[in-house]
Amino acid sequence: MVAYRVDALQPTNLALQGALSTLEFNQDGEELAKKREHVLEMTKLLVEKAKKCHVKQINAGKREVKYEVS
């Protein structure tokens, strides 16, 4: 099984990448919409990875209990 490392700040870092440059403010709406869509997709992937990791950790502590009728 592959272990995932999830960086909770990654979507924010992607969104803020280059935000302080003057070129960022001069881009047209289509370019900004594409960047927004990319950030949204990356966020969805990270959430899915985090869910898988969480389920794996929860299931690791479970054990099967067998009961016998006496």
N, C-alpha and C. Protein backbone atom coordinates (compact mmCIF):
# COMPACT_ATOMS: atom_id res chain seq x y z
N MET A 1 0.84 -1.18 0.00
CA MET A 1 0.00 0.00 0.00
C MET A 1 0.88 1.24 0.00
N VAL A 2 0.50 2.24 -0.73
CA VAL A 2 1.28 3.46 -0.85
C VAL A 2 0.86 4.44 0.24
N ALA A 3 1.83 4.97 0.95
CA ALA A 3 1.54 5.97 1.97
C ALA A 3 1.53 7.34 1.32
N TYR A 4 0.54 8.13 1.63
CA TYR A 4 0.42 9.47 1.06
C TYR A 4 0.80 10.49 2.11
N ARG A 5 1.56 11.47 1.68
CA ARG A 5 1.85 12.61 2.53
C ARG A 5 1.05 13.77 1.98
N VAL A 6 0.19 14.32 2.80
CA VAL A 6 -0.69 15.39 2.35
C VAL A 6 -0.24 16.70 2.98
N ASP A 7 0.05 17.67 2.14
CA ASP A 7 0.43 18.99 2.60
C ASP A 7 -0.81 19.87 2.54
N ALA A 8 -1.33 20.22 3.70
CA ALA A 8 -2.59 20.97 3.76
C ALA A 8 -2.48 22.35 3.14
N LEU A 9 -1.29 22.89 3.02
CA LEU A 9 -1.14 24.25 2.48
C LEU A 9 -0.93 24.27 0.98
N GLN A 10 -0.84 23.13 0.34
CA GLN A 10 -0.53 23.11 -1.08
C GLN A 10 -1.54 23.86 -1.94
N PRO A 11 -2.86 23.68 -1.78
CA PRO A 11 -3.79 24.46 -2.61
C PRO A 11 -3.63 25.96 -2.43
N THR A 12 -3.37 26.38 -1.20
CA THR A 12 -3.17 27.80 -0.94
C THR A 12 -1.90 28.28 -1.63
N ASN A 13 -0.86 27.48 -1.55
CA ASN A 13 0.39 27.85 -2.21
C ASN A 13 0.20 27.97 -3.71
N LEU A 14 -0.56 27.04 -4.29
CA LEU A 14 -0.82 27.12 -5.72
C LEU A 14 -1.60 28.37 -6.08
N ALA A 15 -2.57 28.73 -5.26
CA ALA A 15 -3.40 29.89 -5.53
C ALA A 15 -2.60 31.19 -5.40
N LEU A 16 -1.66 31.21 -4.47
CA LEU A 16 -0.91 32.42 -4.22
C LEU A 16 0.37 32.52 -5.03
N GLN A 17 0.70 31.48 -5.77
CA GLN A 17 1.94 31.47 -6.55
C GLN A 17 1.93 32.62 -7.55
N GLY A 18 2.84 33.54 -7.39
CA GLY A 18 2.98 34.66 -8.30
C GLY A 18 1.93 35.74 -8.11
N ALA A 19 1.17 35.70 -7.05
CA ALA A 19 0.09 36.68 -6.86
C ALA A 19 0.62 38.09 -6.64
N LEU A 20 1.83 38.21 -6.16
CA LEU A 20 2.37 39.54 -5.88
C LEU A 20 3.04 40.17 -7.10
N SER A 21 3.24 39.41 -8.15
CA SER A 21 3.86 39.98 -9.35
C SER A 21 2.85 40.85 -10.09
N THR A 22 3.32 41.85 -10.77
CA THR A 22 2.43 42.74 -11.51
C THR A 22 1.82 42.03 -12.71
N LEU A 23 2.50 41.01 -13.24
CA LEU A 23 1.95 40.28 -14.38
C LEU A 23 0.68 39.53 -13.99
N GLU A 24 0.61 39.09 -12.76
CA GLU A 24 -0.56 38.34 -12.29
C GLU A 24 -1.83 39.20 -12.41
N PHE A 25 -1.71 40.47 -12.10
CA PHE A 25 -2.87 41.34 -12.11
C PHE A 25 -3.26 41.79 -13.53
N ASN A 26 -2.38 41.59 -14.49
CA ASN A 26 -2.65 41.99 -15.86
C ASN A 26 -3.20 40.86 -16.73
N GLN A 27 -3.37 39.67 -16.18
CA GLN A 27 -3.85 38.55 -16.97
C GLN A 27 -5.35 38.69 -17.23
N ASP A 28 -5.79 38.10 -18.34
CA ASP A 28 -7.21 38.17 -18.66
C ASP A 28 -7.99 37.13 -17.86
N GLY A 29 -9.30 37.21 -17.94
CA GLY A 29 -10.19 36.35 -17.17
C GLY A 29 -10.05 34.88 -17.47
N GLU A 30 -9.79 34.53 -18.73
CA GLU A 30 -9.66 33.11 -19.09
C GLU A 30 -8.46 32.48 -18.40
N GLU A 31 -7.37 33.19 -18.36
CA GLU A 31 -6.15 32.66 -17.72
C GLU A 31 -6.39 32.45 -16.22
N LEU A 32 -7.03 33.41 -15.59
CA LEU A 32 -7.32 33.28 -14.17
C LEU A 32 -8.31 32.14 -13.91
N ALA A 33 -9.28 31.97 -14.80
CA ALA A 33 -10.24 30.88 -14.65
C ALA A 33 -9.55 29.52 -14.78
N LYS A 34 -8.58 29.42 -15.69
CA LYS A 34 -7.82 28.18 -15.84
C LYS A 34 -7.01 27.87 -14.59
N LYS A 35 -6.38 28.90 -14.03
CA LYS A 35 -5.61 28.71 -12.79
C LYS A 35 -6.53 28.28 -11.65
N ARG A 36 -7.69 28.90 -11.57
CA ARG A 36 -8.65 28.56 -10.52
C ARG A 36 -9.08 27.11 -10.66
N GLU A 37 -9.35 26.69 -11.88
CA GLU A 37 -9.77 25.31 -12.14
C GLU A 37 -8.66 24.33 -11.75
N HIS A 38 -7.42 24.69 -12.07
CA HIS A 38 -6.28 23.84 -11.71
C HIS A 38 -6.17 23.70 -10.19
N VAL A 39 -6.30 24.81 -9.48
CA VAL A 39 -6.23 24.78 -8.01
C VAL A 39 -7.37 23.93 -7.46
N LEU A 40 -8.56 24.04 -8.02
CA LEU A 40 -9.70 23.26 -7.57
C LEU A 40 -9.45 21.77 -7.77
N GLU A 41 -8.91 21.38 -8.92
CA GLU A 41 -8.62 19.97 -9.19
C GLU A 41 -7.55 19.44 -8.23
N MET A 42 -6.51 20.23 -7.99
CA MET A 42 -5.47 19.81 -7.06
C MET A 42 -6.03 19.64 -5.65
N THR A 43 -6.91 20.54 -5.26
CA THR A 43 -7.53 20.45 -3.94
C THR A 43 -8.36 19.19 -3.83
N LYS A 44 -9.13 18.86 -4.86
CA LYS A 44 -9.93 17.64 -4.85
C LYS A 44 -9.05 16.40 -4.71
N LEU A 45 -7.93 16.39 -5.44
CA LEU A 45 -7.01 15.25 -5.35
C LEU A 45 -6.43 15.12 -3.95
N LEU A 46 -6.05 16.24 -3.35
CA LEU A 46 -5.49 16.19 -2.00
C LEU A 46 -6.51 15.73 -0.98
N VAL A 47 -7.75 16.15 -1.12
CA VAL A 47 -8.80 15.72 -0.20
C VAL A 47 -9.02 14.22 -0.34
N GLU A 48 -9.03 13.73 -1.57
CA GLU A 48 -9.22 12.29 -1.81
C GLU A 48 -8.06 11.49 -1.21
N LYS A 49 -6.84 11.97 -1.36
CA LYS A 49 -5.69 11.29 -0.76
C LYS A 49 -5.78 11.30 0.76
N ALA A 50 -6.21 12.41 1.33
CA ALA A 50 -6.35 12.50 2.78
C ALA A 50 -7.41 11.53 3.28
N LYS A 51 -8.52 11.40 2.55
CA LYS A 51 -9.57 10.45 2.93
C LYS A 51 -9.04 9.03 2.94
N LYS A 52 -8.29 8.65 1.88
CA LYS A 52 -7.74 7.30 1.80
C LYS A 52 -6.78 7.03 2.95
N CYS A 53 -5.96 8.01 3.27
CA CYS A 53 -5.02 7.87 4.37
C CYS A 53 -5.76 7.71 5.70
N HIS A 54 -6.79 8.49 5.88
CA HIS A 54 -7.59 8.43 7.11
C HIS A 54 -8.25 7.07 7.26
N VAL A 55 -8.85 6.56 6.19
CA VAL A 55 -9.51 5.25 6.23
C VAL A 55 -8.48 4.17 6.55
N LYS A 56 -7.30 4.26 5.96
CA LYS A 56 -6.25 3.28 6.21
C LYS A 56 -5.85 3.29 7.69
N GLN A 57 -5.71 4.46 8.26
CA GLN A 57 -5.33 4.57 9.67
C GLN A 57 -6.43 4.04 10.58
N ILE A 58 -7.68 4.33 10.25
CA ILE A 58 -8.81 3.85 11.06
C ILE A 58 -8.89 2.33 11.00
N ASN A 59 -8.78 1.77 9.80
CA ASN A 59 -8.90 0.33 9.63
C ASN A 59 -7.73 -0.43 10.24
N ALA A 60 -6.58 0.20 10.40
CA ALA A 60 -5.42 -0.47 10.98
C ALA A 60 -5.67 -0.85 12.44
N GLY A 61 -6.49 -0.09 13.12
CA GLY A 61 -6.77 -0.36 14.53
C GLY A 61 -7.93 -1.31 14.76
N LYS A 62 -8.61 -1.69 13.71
CA LYS A 62 -9.77 -2.58 13.87
C LYS A 62 -9.30 -4.03 13.94
N ARG A 63 -10.06 -4.82 14.67
CA ARG A 63 -9.81 -6.25 14.71
C ARG A 63 -11.14 -6.97 14.64
N GLU A 64 -11.10 -8.18 14.13
CA GLU A 64 -12.32 -8.94 13.99
C GLU A 64 -12.61 -9.62 15.33
N VAL A 65 -13.84 -9.52 15.77
CA VAL A 65 -14.26 -10.15 17.02
C VAL A 65 -15.17 -11.32 16.68
N LYS A 66 -14.83 -12.47 17.24
CA LYS A 66 -15.64 -13.67 17.02
C LYS A 66 -16.33 -14.06 18.33
N TYR A 67 -17.61 -14.28 18.23
CA TYR A 67 -18.38 -14.68 19.39
C TYR A 67 -18.82 -16.14 19.23
N GLU A 68 -18.84 -16.84 20.33
CA GLU A 68 -19.30 -18.22 20.32
C GLU A 68 -20.56 -18.33 21.16
N VAL A 69 -21.49 -19.14 20.68
CA VAL A 69 -22.71 -19.38 21.44
C VAL A 69 -22.42 -20.55 22.37
N SER A 70 -22.69 -20.35 23.70
CA SER A 70 -22.44 -21.44 24.63
C SER A 70 -23.71 -22.06 25.14
